[in-house]
Amino acid sequence: MSDPKTRTPAQAAVLCPKANAFQLRRCKKAVRSTMASKGAWCRLGRGLLRRRAVVVVGTVGLLLALGAPFMRIEFGSINVQQLSSSC
C-alpha cells in the first residue's frame, strides 16, 4: 500500500469508500457552537464576514474621506533662487 501522502484521489476513493460518508451539516453546527464561546474577537470576525459588502463599502468610503484633503497637495522644491542674496 502506498503512503497516505502520495495517494491519488482515485486510490483514496477505492481504499477509503466511507471517507466522505458523514454529513457536513452536523459538523458545521458543532463548529458553530464551539466558535460562539471563543470570545469577542471571534464574534467580531464572524460579523464582519457576514456583512462583507457593507464592510468593504464603509472602509473604502472612510479611506476616501480621510484621503480627500491630500488630493490637492503640492510639494515645493528648494532651488538657488529661494536663497537670500546675502550668502
PDB file of N, CA and C in Angstrom:
ATOM      1  N   MET A   1       0.849  -1.181   0.000  1.00  0.00           N
ATOM      2  CA  MET A   1       0.000   0.000   0.000  1.00  0.00           C
ATOM      3  C   MET A   1       0.886   1.233   0.000  1.00  0.00           C
ATOM      4  N   SER A   2       0.425   2.283  -0.646  1.00  0.00           N
ATOM      5  CA  SER A   2       1.224   3.495  -0.767  1.00  0.00           C
ATOM      6  C   SER A   2       1.088   4.371   0.479  1.00  0.00           C
ATOM      7  N   ASP A   3       2.008   5.271   0.591  1.00  0.00           N
ATOM      8  CA  ASP A   3       1.993   6.237   1.683  1.00  0.00           C
ATOM      9  C   ASP A   3       0.753   7.131   1.543  1.00  0.00           C
ATOM     10  N   PRO A   4       0.063   7.467   2.630  1.00  0.00           N
ATOM     11  CA  PRO A   4      -1.152   8.297   2.516  1.00  0.00           C
ATOM     12  C   PRO A   4      -0.909   9.661   1.886  1.00  0.00           C
ATOM     13  N   LYS A   5       0.288  10.184   2.004  1.00  0.00           N
ATOM     14  CA  LYS A   5       0.578  11.495   1.435  1.00  0.00           C
ATOM     15  C   LYS A   5       0.663  11.454  -0.088  1.00  0.00           C
ATOM     16  N   THR A   6       0.965  10.281  -0.658  1.00  0.00           N
ATOM     17  CA  THR A   6       1.148  10.186  -2.101  1.00  0.00           C
ATOM     18  C   THR A   6      -0.021   9.518  -2.801  1.00  0.00           C
ATOM     19  N   ARG A   7      -1.102   9.270  -2.110  1.00  0.00           N
ATOM     20  CA  ARG A   7      -2.255   8.639  -2.747  1.00  0.00           C
ATOM     21  C   ARG A   7      -2.934   9.588  -3.703  1.00  0.00           C
ATOM     22  N   THR A   8      -3.374   9.047  -4.805  1.00  0.00           N
ATOM     23  CA  THR A   8      -4.147   9.842  -5.748  1.00  0.00           C
ATOM     24  C   THR A   8      -5.608   9.809  -5.304  1.00  0.00           C
ATOM     25  N   PRO A   9      -6.422  10.728  -5.782  1.00  0.00           N
ATOM     26  CA  PRO A   9      -7.838  10.702  -5.419  1.00  0.00           C
ATOM     27  C   PRO A   9      -8.524   9.398  -5.811  1.00  0.00           C
ATOM     28  N   ALA A  10      -8.106   8.784  -6.917  1.00  0.00           N
ATOM     29  CA  ALA A  10      -8.710   7.518  -7.329  1.00  0.00           C
ATOM     30  C   ALA A  10      -8.370   6.417  -6.335  1.00  0.00           C
ATOM     31  N   GLN A  11      -7.130   6.378  -5.881  1.00  0.00           N
ATOM     32  CA  GLN A  11      -6.748   5.379  -4.885  1.00  0.00           C
ATOM     33  C   GLN A  11      -7.502   5.608  -3.583  1.00  0.00           C
ATOM     34  N   ALA A  12      -7.655   6.845  -3.197  1.00  0.00           N
ATOM     35  CA  ALA A  12      -8.366   7.149  -1.960  1.00  0.00           C
ATOM     36  C   ALA A  12      -9.825   6.731  -2.069  1.00  0.00           C
ATOM     37  N   ALA A  13     -10.424   6.896  -3.239  1.00  0.00           N
ATOM     38  CA  ALA A  13     -11.819   6.503  -3.420  1.00  0.00           C
ATOM     39  C   ALA A  13     -11.981   4.992  -3.307  1.00  0.00           C
ATOM     40  N   VAL A  14     -11.016   4.239  -3.814  1.00  0.00           N
ATOM     41  CA  VAL A  14     -11.092   2.771  -3.748  1.00  0.00           C
ATOM     42  C   VAL A  14     -10.764   2.279  -2.347  1.00  0.00           C
ATOM     43  N   LEU A  15      -9.735   2.833  -1.730  1.00  0.00           N
ATOM     44  CA  LEU A  15      -9.284   2.336  -0.434  1.00  0.00           C
ATOM     45  C   LEU A  15     -10.116   2.849   0.732  1.00  0.00           C
ATOM     46  N   CYS A  16     -10.741   3.985   0.583  1.00  0.00           N
ATOM     47  CA  CYS A  16     -11.499   4.598   1.684  1.00  0.00           C
ATOM     48  C   CYS A  16     -12.904   4.960   1.210  1.00  0.00           C
ATOM     49  N   PRO A  17     -13.763   3.995   0.984  1.00  0.00           N
ATOM     50  CA  PRO A  17     -15.087   4.318   0.448  1.00  0.00           C
ATOM     51  C   PRO A  17     -15.962   5.107   1.417  1.00  0.00           C
ATOM     52  N   LYS A  18     -15.700   5.028   2.693  1.00  0.00           N
ATOM     53  CA  LYS A  18     -16.533   5.727   3.677  1.00  0.00           C
ATOM     54  C   LYS A  18     -15.910   7.042   4.139  1.00  0.00           C
ATOM     55  N   ALA A  19     -14.917   7.528   3.432  1.00  0.00           N
ATOM     56  CA  ALA A  19     -14.215   8.732   3.874  1.00  0.00           C
ATOM     57  C   ALA A  19     -15.138   9.947   3.908  1.00  0.00           C
ATOM     58  N   ASN A  20     -16.040  10.060   2.954  1.00  0.00           N
ATOM     59  CA  ASN A  20     -16.939  11.211   2.893  1.00  0.00           C
ATOM     60  C   ASN A  20     -18.375  10.817   3.193  1.00  0.00           C
ATOM     61  N   ALA A  21     -18.570   9.810   4.009  1.00  0.00           N
ATOM     62  CA  ALA A  21     -19.914   9.307   4.267  1.00  0.00           C
ATOM     63  C   ALA A  21     -20.713  10.195   5.223  1.00  0.00           C
ATOM     64  N   PHE A  22     -20.058  10.906   6.114  1.00  0.00           N
ATOM     65  CA  PHE A  22     -20.801  11.710   7.090  1.00  0.00           C
ATOM     66  C   PHE A  22     -21.258  13.021   6.474  1.00  0.00           C
ATOM     67  N   GLN A  23     -22.292  13.588   7.054  1.00  0.00           N
ATOM     68  CA  GLN A  23     -22.830  14.848   6.551  1.00  0.00           C
ATOM     69  C   GLN A  23     -22.064  16.018   7.169  1.00  0.00           C
ATOM     70  N   LEU A  24     -21.809  17.018   6.368  1.00  0.00           N
ATOM     71  CA  LEU A  24     -21.076  18.179   6.860  1.00  0.00           C
ATOM     72  C   LEU A  24     -21.952  19.101   7.694  1.00  0.00           C
ATOM     73  N   ARG A  25     -23.256  19.020   7.545  1.00  0.00           N
ATOM     74  CA  ARG A  25     -24.136  19.900   8.305  1.00  0.00           C
ATOM     75  C   ARG A  25     -24.023  19.656   9.805  1.00  0.00           C
ATOM     76  N   ARG A  26     -23.883  18.417  10.195  1.00  0.00           N
ATOM     77  CA  ARG A  26     -23.725  18.130  11.622  1.00  0.00           C
ATOM     78  C   ARG A  26     -22.431  18.736  12.145  1.00  0.00           C
ATOM     79  N   CYS A  27     -21.381  18.612  11.376  1.00  0.00           N
ATOM     80  CA  CYS A  27     -20.095  19.170  11.801  1.00  0.00           C
ATOM     81  C   CYS A  27     -20.160  20.697  11.840  1.00  0.00           C
ATOM     82  N   LYS A  28     -20.856  21.282  10.899  1.00  0.00           N
ATOM     83  CA  LYS A  28     -20.954  22.737  10.849  1.00  0.00           C
ATOM     84  C   LYS A  28     -21.637  23.278  12.097  1.00  0.00           C
ATOM     85  N   LYS A  29     -22.700  22.597  12.545  1.00  0.00           N
ATOM     86  CA  LYS A  29     -23.386  23.022  13.755  1.00  0.00           C
ATOM     87  C   LYS A  29     -22.483  22.871  14.971  1.00  0.00           C
ATOM     88  N   ALA A  30     -21.711  21.795  15.012  1.00  0.00           N
ATOM     89  CA  ALA A  30     -20.809  21.583  16.141  1.00  0.00           C
ATOM     90  C   ALA A  30     -19.728  22.659  16.174  1.00  0.00           C
ATOM     91  N   VAL A  31     -19.199  23.008  15.025  1.00  0.00           N
ATOM     92  CA  VAL A  31     -18.176  24.055  14.958  1.00  0.00           C
ATOM     93  C   VAL A  31     -18.777  25.397  15.341  1.00  0.00           C
ATOM     94  N   ARG A  32     -19.988  25.662  14.868  1.00  0.00           N
ATOM     95  CA  ARG A  32     -20.638  26.933  15.165  1.00  0.00           C
ATOM     96  C   ARG A  32     -20.856  27.092  16.671  1.00  0.00           C
ATOM     97  N   SER A  33     -21.239  26.035  17.362  1.00  0.00           N
ATOM     98  CA  SER A  33     -21.486  26.145  18.796  1.00  0.00           C
ATOM     99  C   SER A  33     -20.184  26.328  19.571  1.00  0.00           C
ATOM    100  N   THR A  34     -19.097  25.730  19.119  1.00  0.00           N
ATOM    101  CA  THR A  34     -17.823  25.909  19.824  1.00  0.00           C
ATOM    102  C   THR A  34     -17.220  27.278  19.518  1.00  0.00           C
ATOM    103  N   MET A  35     -17.456  27.808  18.321  1.00  0.00           N
ATOM    104  CA  MET A  35     -16.910  29.115  17.964  1.00  0.00           C
ATOM    105  C   MET A  35     -17.614  30.241  18.718  1.00  0.00           C
ATOM    106  N   ALA A  36     -18.855  30.053  19.086  1.00  0.00           N
ATOM    107  CA  ALA A  36     -19.600  31.097  19.786  1.00  0.00           C
ATOM    108  C   ALA A  36     -19.003  31.379  21.162  1.00  0.00           C
ATOM    109  N   SER A  37     -18.350  30.396  21.732  1.00  0.00           N
ATOM    110  CA  SER A  37     -17.798  30.581  23.065  1.00  0.00           C
ATOM    111  C   SER A  37     -16.357  31.070  23.052  1.00  0.00           C
ATOM    112  N   LYS A  38     -15.816  31.413  21.890  1.00  0.00           N
ATOM    113  CA  LYS A  38     -14.411  31.816  21.805  1.00  0.00           C
ATOM    114  C   LYS A  38     -14.162  33.228  22.298  1.00  0.00           C
ATOM    115  N   GLY A  39     -15.110  34.131  22.128  1.00  0.00           N
ATOM    116  CA  GLY A  39     -14.912  35.474  22.640  1.00  0.00           C
ATOM    117  C   GLY A  39     -15.296  36.557  21.662  1.00  0.00           C
ATOM    118  N   ALA A  40     -14.933  37.778  22.041  1.00  0.00           N
ATOM    119  CA  ALA A  40     -15.341  38.953  21.282  1.00  0.00           C
ATOM    120  C   ALA A  40     -14.683  39.010  19.907  1.00  0.00           C
ATOM    121  N   TRP A  41     -13.415  38.633  19.786  1.00  0.00           N
ATOM    122  CA  TRP A  41     -12.737  38.697  18.501  1.00  0.00           C
ATOM    123  C   TRP A  41     -13.361  37.731  17.505  1.00  0.00           C
ATOM    124  N   CYS A  42     -13.758  36.589  17.992  1.00  0.00           N
ATOM    125  CA  CYS A  42     -14.415  35.611  17.119  1.00  0.00           C
ATOM    126  C   CYS A  42     -15.750  36.159  16.634  1.00  0.00           C
ATOM    127  N   ARG A  43     -16.521  36.742  17.537  1.00  0.00           N
ATOM    128  CA  ARG A  43     -17.814  37.313  17.151  1.00  0.00           C
ATOM    129  C   ARG A  43     -17.630  38.476  16.183  1.00  0.00           C
ATOM    130  N   LEU A  44     -16.606  39.303  16.414  1.00  0.00           N
ATOM    131  CA  LEU A  44     -16.337  40.428  15.521  1.00  0.00           C
ATOM    132  C   LEU A  44     -15.980  39.932  14.120  1.00  0.00           C
ATOM    133  N   GLY A  45     -15.099  38.962  14.044  1.00  0.00           N
ATOM    134  CA  GLY A  45     -14.701  38.414  12.748  1.00  0.00           C
ATOM    135  C   GLY A  45     -15.859  37.783  12.005  1.00  0.00           C
ATOM    136  N   ARG A  46     -16.661  37.022  12.715  1.00  0.00           N
ATOM    137  CA  ARG A  46     -17.818  36.395  12.076  1.00  0.00           C
ATOM    138  C   ARG A  46     -18.819  37.442  11.612  1.00  0.00           C
ATOM    139  N   GLY A  47     -19.012  38.490  12.393  1.00  0.00           N
ATOM    140  CA  GLY A  47     -19.926  39.564  11.998  1.00  0.00           C
ATOM    141  C   GLY A  47     -19.432  40.306  10.766  1.00  0.00           C
ATOM    142  N   LEU A  48     -18.119  40.556  10.697  1.00  0.00           N
ATOM    143  CA  LEU A  48     -17.548  41.238   9.536  1.00  0.00           C
ATOM    144  C   LEU A  48     -17.673  40.383   8.283  1.00  0.00           C
ATOM    145  N   LEU A  49     -17.442  39.093   8.422  1.00  0.00           N
ATOM    146  CA  LEU A  49     -17.541  38.214   7.267  1.00  0.00           C
ATOM    147  C   LEU A  49     -18.986  38.031   6.821  1.00  0.00           C
ATOM    148  N   ARG A  50     -19.911  38.165   7.745  1.00  0.00           N
ATOM    149  CA  ARG A  50     -21.321  38.028   7.388  1.00  0.00           C
ATOM    150  C   ARG A  50     -21.795  39.202   6.551  1.00  0.00           C
ATOM    151  N   ARG A  51     -21.221  40.387   6.784  1.00  0.00           N
ATOM    152  CA  ARG A  51     -21.626  41.607   6.070  1.00  0.00           C
ATOM    153  C   ARG A  51     -20.456  42.167   5.278  1.00  0.00           C
ATOM    154  N   ARG A  52     -19.878  41.345   4.410  1.00  0.00           N
ATOM    155  CA  ARG A  52     -18.680  41.730   3.664  1.00  0.00           C
ATOM    156  C   ARG A  52     -18.862  42.989   2.848  1.00  0.00           C
ATOM    157  N   ALA A  53     -19.945  43.050   2.086  1.00  0.00           N
ATOM    158  CA  ALA A  53     -20.147  44.180   1.174  1.00  0.00           C
ATOM    159  C   ALA A  53     -20.270  45.490   1.948  1.00  0.00           C
ATOM    160  N   VAL A  54     -20.996  45.475   3.051  1.00  0.00           N
ATOM    161  CA  VAL A  54     -21.159  46.684   3.856  1.00  0.00           C
ATOM    162  C   VAL A  54     -19.811  47.119   4.427  1.00  0.00           C
ATOM    163  N   VAL A  55     -19.013  46.165   4.873  1.00  0.00           N
ATOM    164  CA  VAL A  55     -17.703  46.480   5.443  1.00  0.00           C
ATOM    165  C   VAL A  55     -16.774  47.045   4.374  1.00  0.00           C
ATOM    166  N   VAL A  56     -16.782  46.464   3.182  1.00  0.00           N
ATOM    167  CA  VAL A  56     -15.904  46.948   2.105  1.00  0.00           C
ATOM    168  C   VAL A  56     -16.306  48.363   1.687  1.00  0.00           C
ATOM    169  N   VAL A  57     -17.593  48.595   1.486  1.00  0.00           N
ATOM    170  CA  VAL A  57     -18.051  49.925   1.079  1.00  0.00           C
ATOM    171  C   VAL A  57     -17.751  50.956   2.170  1.00  0.00           C
ATOM    172  N   GLY A  58     -17.981  50.602   3.411  1.00  0.00           N
ATOM    173  CA  GLY A  58     -17.683  51.517   4.516  1.00  0.00           C
ATOM    174  C   GLY A  58     -16.204  51.818   4.644  1.00  0.00           C
ATOM    175  N   THR A  59     -15.369  50.810   4.486  1.00  0.00           N
ATOM    176  CA  THR A  59     -13.925  51.004   4.597  1.00  0.00           C
ATOM    177  C   THR A  59     -13.399  51.873   3.462  1.00  0.00           C
ATOM    178  N   VAL A  60     -13.845  51.613   2.235  1.00  0.00           N
ATOM    179  CA  VAL A  60     -13.409  52.424   1.098  1.00  0.00           C
ATOM    180  C   VAL A  60     -13.885  53.865   1.265  1.00  0.00           C
ATOM    181  N   GLY A  61     -15.118  54.056   1.713  1.00  0.00           N
ATOM    182  CA  GLY A  61     -15.628  55.412   1.942  1.00  0.00           C
ATOM    183  C   GLY A  61     -14.836  56.146   3.001  1.00  0.00           C
ATOM    184  N   LEU A  62     -14.504  55.473   4.087  1.00  0.00           N
ATOM    185  CA  LEU A  62     -13.718  56.082   5.152  1.00  0.00           C
ATOM    186  C   LEU A  62     -12.323  56.471   4.659  1.00  0.00           C
ATOM    187  N   LEU A  63     -11.686  55.586   3.900  1.00  0.00           N
ATOM    188  CA  LEU A  63     -10.349  55.893   3.381  1.00  0.00           C
ATOM    189  C   LEU A  63     -10.385  57.050   2.388  1.00  0.00           C
ATOM    190  N   LEU A  64     -11.420  57.103   1.562  1.00  0.00           N
ATOM    191  CA  LEU A  64     -11.541  58.235   0.631  1.00  0.00           C
ATOM    192  C   LEU A  64     -11.775  59.547   1.376  1.00  0.00           C
ATOM    193  N   ALA A  65     -12.589  59.501   2.419  1.00  0.00           N
ATOM    194  CA  ALA A  65     -12.849  60.717   3.206  1.00  0.00           C
ATOM    195  C   ALA A  65     -11.590  61.189   3.925  1.00  0.00           C
ATOM    196  N   LEU A  66     -10.813  60.259   4.443  1.00  0.00           N
ATOM    197  CA  LEU A  66      -9.572  60.636   5.127  1.00  0.00           C
ATOM    198  C   LEU A  66      -8.499  61.109   4.151  1.00  0.00           C
ATOM    199  N   GLY A  67      -8.524  60.602   2.924  1.00  0.00           N
ATOM    200  CA  GLY A  67      -7.513  60.983   1.939  1.00  0.00           C
ATOM    201  C   GLY A  67      -7.881  62.190   1.102  1.00  0.00           C
ATOM    202  N   ALA A  68      -9.118  62.654   1.192  1.00  0.00           N
ATOM    203  CA  ALA A  68      -9.572  63.778   0.362  1.00  0.00           C
ATOM    204  C   ALA A  68      -8.741  65.050   0.550  1.00  0.00           C
ATOM    205  N   PRO A  69      -8.330  65.418   1.760  1.00  0.00           N
ATOM    206  CA  PRO A  69      -7.518  66.638   1.896  1.00  0.00           C
ATOM    207  C   PRO A  69      -6.176  66.559   1.171  1.00  0.00           C
ATOM    208  N   PHE A  70      -5.696  65.381   0.896  1.00  0.00           N
ATOM    209  CA  PHE A  70      -4.396  65.227   0.253  1.00  0.00           C
ATOM    210  C   PHE A  70      -4.494  65.202  -1.271  1.00  0.00           C
ATOM    211  N   MET A  71      -5.687  65.371  -1.823  1.00  0.00           N
ATOM    212  CA  MET A  71      -5.842  65.363  -3.279  1.00  0.00           C
ATOM    213  C   MET A  71      -5.201  66.586  -3.919  1.00  0.00           C
ATOM    214  N   ARG A  72      -5.208  67.733  -3.228  1.00  0.00           N
ATOM    215  CA  ARG A  72      -4.663  68.974  -3.790  1.00  0.00           C
ATOM    216  C   ARG A  72      -3.315  69.349  -3.181  1.00  0.00           C
ATOM    217  N   ILE A  73      -2.601  68.402  -2.666  1.00  0.00           N
ATOM    218  CA  ILE A  73      -1.331  68.708  -2.020  1.00  0.00           C
ATOM    219  C   ILE A  73      -0.283  69.067  -3.081  1.00  0.00           C
ATOM    220  N   GLU A  74       0.511  70.062  -2.772  1.00  0.00           N
ATOM    221  CA  GLU A  74       1.577  70.496  -3.668  1.00  0.00           C
ATOM    222  C   GLU A  74       2.888  70.521  -2.884  1.00  0.00           C
ATOM    223  N   PHE A  75       3.845  69.784  -3.365  1.00  0.00           N
ATOM    224  CA  PHE A  75       5.143  69.747  -2.729  1.00  0.00           C
ATOM    225  C   PHE A  75       6.040  70.787  -3.387  1.00  0.00           C
ATOM    226  N   GLY A  76       6.644  71.602  -2.589  1.00  0.00           N
ATOM    227  CA  GLY A  76       7.546  72.621  -3.122  1.00  0.00           C
ATOM    228  C   GLY A  76       8.967  72.092  -3.188  1.00  0.00           C
ATOM    229  N   SER A  77       9.743  72.708  -4.004  1.00  0.00           N
ATOM    230  CA  SER A  77      11.151  72.322  -4.085  1.00  0.00           C
ATOM    231  C   SER A  77      12.007  73.558  -3.831  1.00  0.00           C
ATOM    232  N   ILE A  78      13.121  73.377  -3.233  1.00  0.00           N
ATOM    233  CA  ILE A  78      14.046  74.473  -2.936  1.00  0.00           C
ATOM    234  C   ILE A  78      15.086  74.532  -4.046  1.00  0.00           C
ATOM    235  N   ASN A  79      15.287  75.742  -4.556  1.00  0.00           N
ATOM    236  CA  ASN A  79      16.331  75.929  -5.576  1.00  0.00           C
ATOM    237  C   ASN A  79      17.172  77.160  -5.222  1.00  0.00           C
ATOM    238  N   VAL A  80      18.066  77.518  -6.061  1.00  0.00           N
ATOM    239  CA  VAL A  80      19.005  78.604  -5.791  1.00  0.00           C
ATOM    240  C   VAL A  80      18.305  79.949  -5.685  1.00  0.00           C
ATOM    241  N   GLN A  81      17.264  80.178  -6.412  1.00  0.00           N
ATOM    242  CA  GLN A  81      16.570  81.464  -6.405  1.00  0.00           C
ATOM    243  C   GLN A  81      15.898  81.756  -5.060  1.00  0.00           C
ATOM    244  N   GLN A  82      15.641  80.757  -4.262  1.00  0.00           N
ATOM    245  CA  GLN A  82      14.974  80.963  -2.981  1.00  0.00           C
ATOM    246  C   GLN A  82      15.945  81.304  -1.878  1.00  0.00           C
ATOM    247  N   LEU A  83      17.242  81.189  -2.126  1.00  0.00           N
ATOM    248  CA  LEU A  83      18.223  81.547  -1.108  1.00  0.00           C
ATOM    249  C   LEU A  83      18.371  83.065  -1.059  1.00  0.00           C
ATOM    250  N   SER A  84      18.726  83.586   0.103  1.00  0.00           N
ATOM    251  CA  SER A  84      18.919  85.042   0.242  1.00  0.00           C
ATOM    252  C   SER A  84      20.207  85.468  -0.483  1.00  0.00           C
ATOM    253  N   SER A  85      20.245  86.693  -0.944  1.00  0.00           N
ATOM    254  CA  SER A  85      21.423  87.159  -1.690  1.00  0.00           C
ATOM    255  C   SER A  85      22.594  87.501  -0.780  1.00  0.00           C
ATOM    256  N   SER A  86      22.407  87.539   0.527  1.00  0.00           N
ATOM    257  CA  SER A  86      23.489  87.891   1.440  1.00  0.00           C
ATOM    258  C   SER A  86      24.468  86.743   1.650  1.00  0.00           C
ATOM    259  N   CYS A  87      24.151  85.581   1.194  1.00  0.00           N
ATOM    260  CA  CYS A  87      25.043  84.435   1.398  1.00  0.00           C
ATOM    261  C   CYS A  87      26.200  84.417   0.473  1.00  0.00           C
TER     262      CYS A  87
END
